[in-house]
C-alpha cells in the first residue's frame, strides 16, 4: 500500500479504534482505521508503550493497559544514543522519576526513528506514520479478516521458507548498509504476508557506528534465526553472513 498521502494530505482525519491486535512485554498494539475527508481509508497499527511504573492503583487500566512494561538490560541498547538534553541525560543516569519518564520516551522515539531510517533504506518494515503521545502509529500488515502471521506461525512449505530466508538476507544487507542492527531478531519478530517477509519490532535497534555491542547483537540475531531455518532444511550460514554484513557496514561508513 502506498502510504504517502497519510502524511502529505493536510486535511484532518477521522480515526477509529477497531480493537487490540497483540500484547507484548513493553507495548500493546491495536488496530486503527484512518479515514480522510474524501473517503480514502487505511488500516494502521498503533503500538502503545506501557508506563514503567504508576502513580496510583488503577492507573494502568485508566490508560488502557493490562500490566506495566518489563524492560530488561536496556542500558546495552541505549549505548551510543543521544537522549534529550543534558538535564534529561543526568536524570536518566540517576533513574529519577523524571529520568524514568525520559527513558520510557526513548523507546518509541528510537523505534519511530529506526522505522524511518530502515524504510528509507528499502528494508521491508511497516511504514512509520506518526509518533503518538504514547507510542508509534504505523502501517498495518494484514487485512480486515486477519493480521499477518509471525513467520514462525505462517505454515510455509520448504519453498516458502527458502524464499523467506532469501528475503531476510536481502533485508539484513540493506540494514547493514544503513548501519542498523535489529538487536532482537527472531522468527517471532518477522511477519509473512502475501509472499513478503516483514521485519517488525525495532525499538531496541542500534547503530553499528555508535553502539559498542552492535556486532555482538548482530551475531546473536543471526544465531537466533539459524536454528529455525535449518530445522526446515533450509541452508543458513550465520558466520559467513556475519562477515558479509560487517563488510557491507564498513563500506557504508
C-alpha atoms as a PDB file:
ATOM      1  CA  UNK A   1       0.000   0.000   0.000  1.00  0.00           C
ATOM      2  CA  UNK A   2       1.302   3.462  -0.900  1.00  0.00           C
ATOM      3  CA  UNK A   3       1.172   5.411   2.357  1.00  0.00           C
ATOM      4  CA  UNK A   4       2.466   8.870   1.425  1.00  0.00           C
ATOM      5  CA  UNK A   5      -0.985  10.509   1.404  1.00  0.00           C
ATOM      6  CA  UNK A   6      -1.254   9.805   5.140  1.00  0.00           C
ATOM      7  CA  UNK A   7       1.470  12.377   5.751  1.00  0.00           C
ATOM      8  CA  UNK A   8       1.215  14.732   2.771  1.00  0.00           C
ATOM      9  CA  UNK A   9      -2.525  15.415   2.958  1.00  0.00           C
ATOM     10  CA  UNK A  10      -3.126  18.417   5.258  1.00  0.00           C
ATOM     11  CA  UNK A  11      -6.812  17.675   5.806  1.00  0.00           C
ATOM     12  CA  UNK A  12      -7.942  16.299   9.190  1.00  0.00           C
ATOM     13  CA  UNK A  13      -8.667  12.608   9.515  1.00  0.00           C
ATOM     14  CA  UNK A  14     -11.196  10.590  11.430  1.00  0.00           C
ATOM     15  CA  UNK A  15      -9.680   7.677  13.318  1.00  0.00           C
ATOM     16  CA  UNK A  16     -11.498   4.657  14.712  1.00  0.00           C
ATOM     17  CA  UNK A  17     -10.040   2.191  17.204  1.00  0.00           C
ATOM     18  CA  UNK A  18     -11.006  -1.281  15.989  1.00  0.00           C
ATOM     19  CA  UNK A  19      -9.630  -3.176  18.979  1.00  0.00           C
ATOM     20  CA  UNK A  20      -6.473  -4.938  20.172  1.00  0.00           C
ATOM     21  CA  UNK A  21      -4.121  -6.890  17.914  1.00  0.00           C
ATOM     22  CA  UNK A  22      -1.447  -8.177  20.282  1.00  0.00           C
ATOM     23  CA  UNK A  23       0.190  -7.629  23.644  1.00  0.00           C
ATOM     24  CA  UNK A  24       3.930  -7.834  24.333  1.00  0.00           C
ATOM     25  CA  UNK A  25       6.377  -7.205  27.189  1.00  0.00           C
ATOM     26  CA  UNK A  26       6.732  -3.473  26.562  1.00  0.00           C
ATOM     27  CA  UNK A  27       3.736  -2.462  24.459  1.00  0.00           C
ATOM     28  CA  UNK A  28       0.270  -3.277  23.234  1.00  0.00           C
ATOM     29  CA  UNK A  29      -0.847  -2.949  19.615  1.00  0.00           C
ATOM     30  CA  UNK A  30      -4.330  -2.035  18.450  1.00  0.00           C
ATOM     31  CA  UNK A  31      -5.915  -1.749  15.016  1.00  0.00           C
ATOM     32  CA  UNK A  32      -6.899   1.738  13.865  1.00  0.00           C
ATOM     33  CA  UNK A  33      -8.788   2.828  10.756  1.00  0.00           C
ATOM     34  CA  UNK A  34      -7.902   6.288   9.414  1.00  0.00           C
ATOM     35  CA  UNK A  35     -10.433   7.898   7.070  1.00  0.00           C
ATOM     36  CA  UNK A  36      -9.687  11.021   5.012  1.00  0.00           C
ATOM     37  CA  UNK A  37     -12.392  13.621   4.189  1.00  0.00           C
ATOM     38  CA  UNK A  38     -12.568  12.348   0.595  1.00  0.00           C
ATOM     39  CA  UNK A  39     -13.329   8.828   1.805  1.00  0.00           C
ATOM     40  CA  UNK A  40      -9.900   7.269   1.401  1.00  0.00           C
ATOM     41  CA  UNK A  41      -9.083   4.997   4.291  1.00  0.00           C
ATOM     42  CA  UNK A  42      -6.476   2.588   5.505  1.00  0.00           C
ATOM     43  CA  UNK A  43      -5.799   0.320   8.445  1.00  0.00           C
ATOM     44  CA  UNK A  44      -2.962   1.236  10.793  1.00  0.00           C
ATOM     45  CA  UNK A  45      -1.330  -0.375  13.797  1.00  0.00           C
ATOM     46  CA  UNK A  46      -0.995   1.764  16.924  1.00  0.00           C
ATOM     47  CA  UNK A  47       1.793   0.490  19.173  1.00  0.00           C
ATOM     48  CA  UNK A  48       1.367   1.991  22.645  1.00  0.00           C
ATOM     49  CA  UNK A  49       4.173   1.640  25.178  1.00  0.00           C
ATOM     50  CA  UNK A  50       3.226   0.822  28.740  1.00  0.00           C
ATOM     51  CA  UNK A  51       4.472   3.006  31.605  1.00  0.00           C
ATOM     52  CA  UNK A  52       7.253   1.501  33.718  1.00  0.00           C
ATOM     53  CA  UNK A  53       5.529   2.455  36.947  1.00  0.00           C
ATOM     54  CA  UNK A  54       2.235   4.006  38.004  1.00  0.00           C
ATOM     55  CA  UNK A  55       1.321   6.738  40.445  1.00  0.00           C
ATOM     56  CA  UNK A  56      -1.796   5.075  41.833  1.00  0.00           C
ATOM     57  CA  UNK A  57      -3.711   1.821  41.734  1.00  0.00           C
ATOM     58  CA  UNK A  58      -5.829   1.528  38.627  1.00  0.00           C
ATOM     59  CA  UNK A  59      -3.744   3.948  36.540  1.00  0.00           C
ATOM     60  CA  UNK A  60      -2.745   1.256  34.042  1.00  0.00           C
ATOM     61  CA  UNK A  61      -6.367   0.330  33.446  1.00  0.00           C
ATOM     62  CA  UNK A  62      -7.292   4.011  33.096  1.00  0.00           C
ATOM     63  CA  UNK A  63      -4.652   4.290  30.378  1.00  0.00           C
ATOM     64  CA  UNK A  64      -5.944   1.158  28.661  1.00  0.00           C
ATOM     65  CA  UNK A  65      -3.149  -1.247  29.661  1.00  0.00           C
ATOM     66  CA  UNK A  66      -3.244  -4.560  31.463  1.00  0.00           C
ATOM     67  CA  UNK A  67       0.237  -4.512  33.047  1.00  0.00           C
ATOM     68  CA  UNK A  68       3.370  -2.399  33.373  1.00  0.00           C
ATOM     69  CA  UNK A  69       6.338  -2.507  30.994  1.00  0.00           C
ATOM     70  CA  UNK A  70       9.109  -5.007  31.560  1.00  0.00           C
ATOM     71  CA  UNK A  71      12.321  -3.605  30.074  1.00  0.00           C
ATOM     72  CA  UNK A  72      15.360  -5.848  30.620  1.00  0.00           C
ATOM     73  CA  UNK A  73      19.026  -4.750  30.315  1.00  0.00           C
ATOM     74  CA  UNK A  74      18.004  -1.710  28.299  1.00  0.00           C
ATOM     75  CA  UNK A  75      21.256   0.133  29.034  1.00  0.00           C
ATOM     76  CA  UNK A  76      23.151  -2.005  26.497  1.00  0.00           C
ATOM     77  CA  UNK A  77      20.743  -0.998  23.732  1.00  0.00           C
ATOM     78  CA  UNK A  78      20.855   2.687  24.637  1.00  0.00           C
ATOM     79  CA  UNK A  79      24.654   2.781  24.368  1.00  0.00           C
ATOM     80  CA  UNK A  80      25.578   5.419  21.806  1.00  0.00           C
ATOM     81  CA  UNK A  81      22.179   7.118  21.690  1.00  0.00           C
ATOM     82  CA  UNK A  82      21.803  10.814  22.445  1.00  0.00           C
ATOM     83  CA  UNK A  83      18.895  11.154  24.843  1.00  0.00           C
ATOM     84  CA  UNK A  84      17.281  14.574  25.202  1.00  0.00           C
ATOM     85  CA  UNK A  85      19.167  17.478  26.724  1.00  0.00           C
ATOM     86  CA  UNK A  86      21.813  17.439  29.449  1.00  0.00           C
ATOM     87  CA  UNK A  87      19.161  17.585  32.199  1.00  0.00           C
ATOM     88  CA  UNK A  88      17.358  14.595  30.711  1.00  0.00           C
ATOM     89  CA  UNK A  89      20.595  12.629  30.448  1.00  0.00           C
ATOM     90  CA  UNK A  90      21.513  13.328  34.078  1.00  0.00           C
ATOM     91  CA  UNK A  91      18.031  12.314  35.216  1.00  0.00           C
ATOM     92  CA  UNK A  92      18.178   9.133  33.125  1.00  0.00           C
ATOM     93  CA  UNK A  93      21.554   8.215  34.619  1.00  0.00           C
ATOM     94  CA  UNK A  94      20.188   8.674  38.157  1.00  0.00           C
ATOM     95  CA  UNK A  95      16.966   6.804  37.319  1.00  0.00           C
ATOM     96  CA  UNK A  96      14.919   9.554  38.963  1.00  0.00           C
ATOM     97  CA  UNK A  97      11.183   9.735  38.295  1.00  0.00           C
ATOM     98  CA  UNK A  98      11.845  12.246  35.512  1.00  0.00           C
ATOM     99  CA  UNK A  99      14.680  10.055  34.271  1.00  0.00           C
ATOM    100  CA  UNK A 100      12.416   7.017  34.024  1.00  0.00           C
ATOM    101  CA  UNK A 101       9.928   9.076  32.012  1.00  0.00           C
ATOM    102  CA  UNK A 102      12.766  10.141  29.697  1.00  0.00           C
ATOM    103  CA  UNK A 103      13.840   6.528  29.233  1.00  0.00           C
ATOM    104  CA  UNK A 104      10.286   5.439  28.500  1.00  0.00           C
ATOM    105  CA  UNK A 105      10.003   8.073  25.743  1.00  0.00           C
ATOM    106  CA  UNK A 106      13.329   6.950  24.332  1.00  0.00           C
ATOM    107  CA  UNK A 107      11.978   3.545  23.239  1.00  0.00           C
ATOM    108  CA  UNK A 108       9.171   4.775  20.953  1.00  0.00           C
ATOM    109  CA  UNK A 109      11.401   7.666  19.827  1.00  0.00           C
ATOM    110  CA  UNK A 110      14.036   5.155  18.742  1.00  0.00           C
ATOM    111  CA  UNK A 111      11.516   2.837  17.108  1.00  0.00           C
ATOM    112  CA  UNK A 112       9.982   5.638  15.050  1.00  0.00           C
ATOM    113  CA  UNK A 113      13.417   6.947  14.015  1.00  0.00           C
ATOM    114  CA  UNK A 114      14.627   3.458  13.105  1.00  0.00           C
ATOM    115  CA  UNK A 115      11.491   2.697  11.083  1.00  0.00           C
ATOM    116  CA  UNK A 116      12.032   5.918   9.122  1.00  0.00           C
ATOM    117  CA  UNK A 117      15.685   5.073   8.591  1.00  0.00           C
ATOM    118  CA  UNK A 118      15.025   1.482   7.540  1.00  0.00           C
ATOM    119  CA  UNK A 119      12.093   2.309   5.281  1.00  0.00           C
ATOM    120  CA  UNK A 120      14.294   4.906   3.600  1.00  0.00           C
ATOM    121  CA  UNK A 121      16.949   2.247   3.076  1.00  0.00           C
ATOM    122  CA  UNK A 122      14.494  -0.091   1.335  1.00  0.00           C
ATOM    123  CA  UNK A 123      14.089  -2.515   4.248  1.00  0.00           C
ATOM    124  CA  UNK A 124      10.670  -4.164   4.371  1.00  0.00           C
ATOM    125  CA  UNK A 125       9.339  -2.673   7.609  1.00  0.00           C
ATOM    126  CA  UNK A 126       5.946  -1.171   8.422  1.00  0.00           C
ATOM    127  CA  UNK A 127       5.770   2.413   7.143  1.00  0.00           C
ATOM    128  CA  UNK A 128       6.018   4.832  10.114  1.00  0.00           C
ATOM    129  CA  UNK A 129       3.074   7.239  10.030  1.00  0.00           C
ATOM    130  CA  UNK A 130       3.282   9.247  13.269  1.00  0.00           C
ATOM    131  CA  UNK A 131       4.892   9.412  16.691  1.00  0.00           C
ATOM    132  CA  UNK A 132       1.927   9.495  19.068  1.00  0.00           C
ATOM    133  CA  UNK A 133       1.944  10.667  22.684  1.00  0.00           C
ATOM    134  CA  UNK A 134       2.476   7.130  23.953  1.00  0.00           C
ATOM    135  CA  UNK A 135       3.858   5.197  21.014  1.00  0.00           C
ATOM    136  CA  UNK A 136       4.031   4.796  17.248  1.00  0.00           C
ATOM    137  CA  UNK A 137       1.362   4.733  14.558  1.00  0.00           C
ATOM    138  CA  UNK A 138       2.476   2.627  11.617  1.00  0.00           C
ATOM    139  CA  UNK A 139       1.329   0.649   8.606  1.00  0.00           C
ATOM    140  CA  UNK A 140      -0.757  -2.391   9.473  1.00  0.00           C
ATOM    141  CA  UNK A 141       0.308  -5.628   7.813  1.00  0.00           C
ATOM    142  CA  UNK A 142      -2.756  -7.731   7.090  1.00  0.00           C
ATOM    143  CA  UNK A 143      -6.328  -7.178   6.019  1.00  0.00           C
ATOM    144  CA  UNK A 144      -9.746  -6.844   7.627  1.00  0.00           C
ATOM    145  CA  UNK A 145     -10.010 -10.596   8.071  1.00  0.00           C
ATOM    146  CA  UNK A 146      -6.679 -11.296   9.737  1.00  0.00           C
ATOM    147  CA  UNK A 147      -3.371  -9.791  10.747  1.00  0.00           C
ATOM    148  CA  UNK A 148      -0.235 -11.086   9.078  1.00  0.00           C
ATOM    149  CA  UNK A 149       1.077 -14.115  10.996  1.00  0.00           C
ATOM    150  CA  UNK A 150       4.508 -14.203  12.539  1.00  0.00           C
ATOM    151  CA  UNK A 151       6.949 -16.113  10.360  1.00  0.00           C
ATOM    152  CA  UNK A 152       7.062 -18.989  12.829  1.00  0.00           C
ATOM    153  CA  UNK A 153       3.281 -19.392  12.558  1.00  0.00           C
ATOM    154  CA  UNK A 154       2.919 -18.864   8.792  1.00  0.00           C
ATOM    155  CA  UNK A 155       2.920 -22.594   7.929  1.00  0.00           C
ATOM    156  CA  UNK A 156       5.246 -22.204   4.943  1.00  0.00           C
ATOM    157  CA  UNK A 157       6.334 -25.132   2.819  1.00  0.00           C
ATOM    158  CA  UNK A 158      10.020 -25.684   2.024  1.00  0.00           C
ATOM    159  CA  UNK A 159       9.968 -23.302  -0.930  1.00  0.00           C
ATOM    160  CA  UNK A 160       8.304 -20.621   1.157  1.00  0.00           C
ATOM    161  CA  UNK A 161      10.856 -20.955   3.969  1.00  0.00           C
ATOM    162  CA  UNK A 162      13.679 -20.753   1.433  1.00  0.00           C
ATOM    163  CA  UNK A 163      12.132 -17.591  -0.007  1.00  0.00           C
ATOM    164  CA  UNK A 164      11.800 -16.127   3.500  1.00  0.00           C
ATOM    165  CA  UNK A 165      15.491 -16.836   4.123  1.00  0.00           C
ATOM    166  CA  UNK A 166      16.422 -15.139   0.857  1.00  0.00           C
ATOM    167  CA  UNK A 167      14.330 -12.068   1.673  1.00  0.00           C
ATOM    168  CA  UNK A 168      15.779 -11.922   5.183  1.00  0.00           C
ATOM    169  CA  UNK A 169      19.347 -11.938   3.871  1.00  0.00           C
ATOM    170  CA  UNK A 170      18.475  -9.145   1.427  1.00  0.00           C
ATOM    171  CA  UNK A 171      16.900  -7.077   4.192  1.00  0.00           C
ATOM    172  CA  UNK A 172      19.819  -7.664   6.540  1.00  0.00           C
ATOM    173  CA  UNK A 173      22.138  -6.409   3.814  1.00  0.00           C
ATOM    174  CA  UNK A 174      20.109  -3.216   3.483  1.00  0.00           C
ATOM    175  CA  UNK A 175      20.091  -2.816   7.246  1.00  0.00           C
ATOM    176  CA  UNK A 176      23.867  -3.201   7.413  1.00  0.00           C
ATOM    177  CA  UNK A 177      24.256  -0.626   4.642  1.00  0.00           C
ATOM    178  CA  UNK A 178      22.156   1.718   6.806  1.00  0.00           C
ATOM    179  CA  UNK A 179      24.397   0.873   9.800  1.00  0.00           C
ATOM    180  CA  UNK A 180      21.496  -0.663  11.749  1.00  0.00           C
ATOM    181  CA  UNK A 181      21.277  -3.900  13.738  1.00  0.00           C
ATOM    182  CA  UNK A 182      17.855  -5.141  14.821  1.00  0.00           C
ATOM    183  CA  UNK A 183      19.244  -6.488  18.129  1.00  0.00           C
ATOM    184  CA  UNK A 184      16.181  -8.637  18.896  1.00  0.00           C
ATOM    185  CA  UNK A 185      15.672 -10.545  15.668  1.00  0.00           C
ATOM    186  CA  UNK A 186      13.803 -13.830  15.765  1.00  0.00           C
ATOM    187  CA  UNK A 187      11.160 -15.698  13.803  1.00  0.00           C
ATOM    188  CA  UNK A 188       8.664 -14.062  16.196  1.00  0.00           C
ATOM    189  CA  UNK A 189       9.737 -10.561  15.104  1.00  0.00           C
ATOM    190  CA  UNK A 190       9.072 -11.143  11.426  1.00  0.00           C
ATOM    191  CA  UNK A 191       5.739 -11.322   9.629  1.00  0.00           C
ATOM    192  CA  UNK A 192       4.770 -13.138   6.433  1.00  0.00           C
ATOM    193  CA  UNK A 193       2.090 -11.569   4.259  1.00  0.00           C
ATOM    194  CA  UNK A 194       1.310 -12.137   0.585  1.00  0.00           C
ATOM    195  CA  UNK A 195       4.692 -13.769  -0.044  1.00  0.00           C
ATOM    196  CA  UNK A 196       6.585 -10.878   1.557  1.00  0.00           C
ATOM    197  CA  UNK A 197       8.722 -11.006   4.697  1.00  0.00           C
ATOM    198  CA  UNK A 198       8.263  -8.032   7.028  1.00  0.00           C
ATOM    199  CA  UNK A 199      10.661  -7.123   9.840  1.00  0.00           C
ATOM    200  CA  UNK A 200       8.968  -5.631  12.891  1.00  0.00           C
ATOM    201  CA  UNK A 201       9.617  -4.538  16.492  1.00  0.00           C
ATOM    202  CA  UNK A 202      12.684  -2.310  16.289  1.00  0.00           C
ATOM    203  CA  UNK A 203      12.630  -0.143  19.467  1.00  0.00           C
ATOM    204  CA  UNK A 204      15.905  -1.692  20.623  1.00  0.00           C
ATOM    205  CA  UNK A 205      17.638  -1.435  17.221  1.00  0.00           C
ATOM    206  CA  UNK A 206      21.150   0.005  17.428  1.00  0.00           C
ATOM    207  CA  UNK A 207      23.575   1.937  15.240  1.00  0.00           C
ATOM    208  CA  UNK A 208      26.656  -0.047  14.290  1.00  0.00           C
ATOM    209  CA  UNK A 209      28.819   3.070  14.327  1.00  0.00           C
ATOM    210  CA  UNK A 210      27.923   4.137  17.873  1.00  0.00           C
ATOM    211  CA  UNK A 211      26.842   1.092  19.897  1.00  0.00           C
ATOM    212  CA  UNK A 212      29.785  -0.818  21.356  1.00  0.00           C
ATOM    213  CA  UNK A 213      27.870  -4.123  21.338  1.00  0.00           C
ATOM    214  CA  UNK A 214      26.281  -3.788  17.893  1.00  0.00           C
ATOM    215  CA  UNK A 215      28.279  -6.601  16.293  1.00  0.00           C
ATOM    216  CA  UNK A 216      27.566  -8.898  19.252  1.00  0.00           C
ATOM    217  CA  UNK A 217      23.869  -8.156  18.788  1.00  0.00           C
ATOM    218  CA  UNK A 218      24.187  -8.841  15.055  1.00  0.00           C
ATOM    219  CA  UNK A 219      25.801 -12.220  15.685  1.00  0.00           C
ATOM    220  CA  UNK A 220      23.092 -13.058  18.227  1.00  0.00           C
ATOM    221  CA  UNK A 221      20.377 -12.058  15.735  1.00  0.00           C
ATOM    222  CA  UNK A 222      21.787 -14.436  13.142  1.00  0.00           C
ATOM    223  CA  UNK A 223      22.102 -17.299  15.608  1.00  0.00           C
ATOM    224  CA  UNK A 224      18.524 -16.701  16.795  1.00  0.00           C
ATOM    225  CA  UNK A 225      17.112 -17.476  13.340  1.00  0.00           C
ATOM    226  CA  UNK A 226      19.628 -20.081  12.155  1.00  0.00           C
ATOM    227  CA  UNK A 227      18.137 -22.979  14.109  1.00  0.00           C
ATOM    228  CA  UNK A 228      14.646 -22.411  12.747  1.00  0.00           C
ATOM    229  CA  UNK A 229      15.735 -22.244   9.111  1.00  0.00           C
ATOM    230  CA  UNK A 230      17.934 -25.313   9.490  1.00  0.00           C
ATOM    231  CA  UNK A 231      15.086 -27.185  11.183  1.00  0.00           C
ATOM    232  CA  UNK A 232      13.155 -26.605   7.961  1.00  0.00           C
ATOM    233  CA  UNK A 233      16.076 -27.966   5.890  1.00  0.00           C
ATOM    234  CA  UNK A 234      16.948 -24.523   4.540  1.00  0.00           C
ATOM    235  CA  UNK A 235      20.617 -23.575   4.488  1.00  0.00           C
ATOM    236  CA  UNK A 236      21.562 -20.575   6.614  1.00  0.00           C
ATOM    237  CA  UNK A 237      25.226 -19.809   7.311  1.00  0.00           C
ATOM    238  CA  UNK A 238      25.446 -17.271  10.146  1.00  0.00           C
ATOM    239  CA  UNK A 239      29.246 -16.923  10.297  1.00  0.00           C
ATOM    240  CA  UNK A 240      29.618 -16.306   6.571  1.00  0.00           C
ATOM    241  CA  UNK A 241      26.661 -13.915   6.606  1.00  0.00           C
ATOM    242  CA  UNK A 242      28.077 -12.079   9.620  1.00  0.00           C
ATOM    243  CA  UNK A 243      31.334 -11.419   7.767  1.00  0.00           C
ATOM    244  CA  UNK A 244      29.448 -10.195   4.699  1.00  0.00           C
ATOM    245  CA  UNK A 245      27.227  -7.872   6.739  1.00  0.00           C
ATOM    246  CA  UNK A 246      30.162  -6.406   8.634  1.00  0.00           C
ATOM    247  CA  UNK A 247      31.923  -5.749   5.315  1.00  0.00           C
ATOM    248  CA  UNK A 248      28.777  -4.058   3.997  1.00  0.00           C
ATOM    249  CA  UNK A 249      28.544  -1.868   7.079  1.00  0.00           C
ATOM    250  CA  UNK A 250      32.204  -0.885   6.838  1.00  0.00           C
ATOM    251  CA  UNK A 251      31.840   0.076   3.178  1.00  0.00           C
ATOM    252  CA  UNK A 252      28.891   2.278   4.075  1.00  0.00           C
ATOM    253  CA  UNK A 253      30.604   4.269   6.843  1.00  0.00           C
END
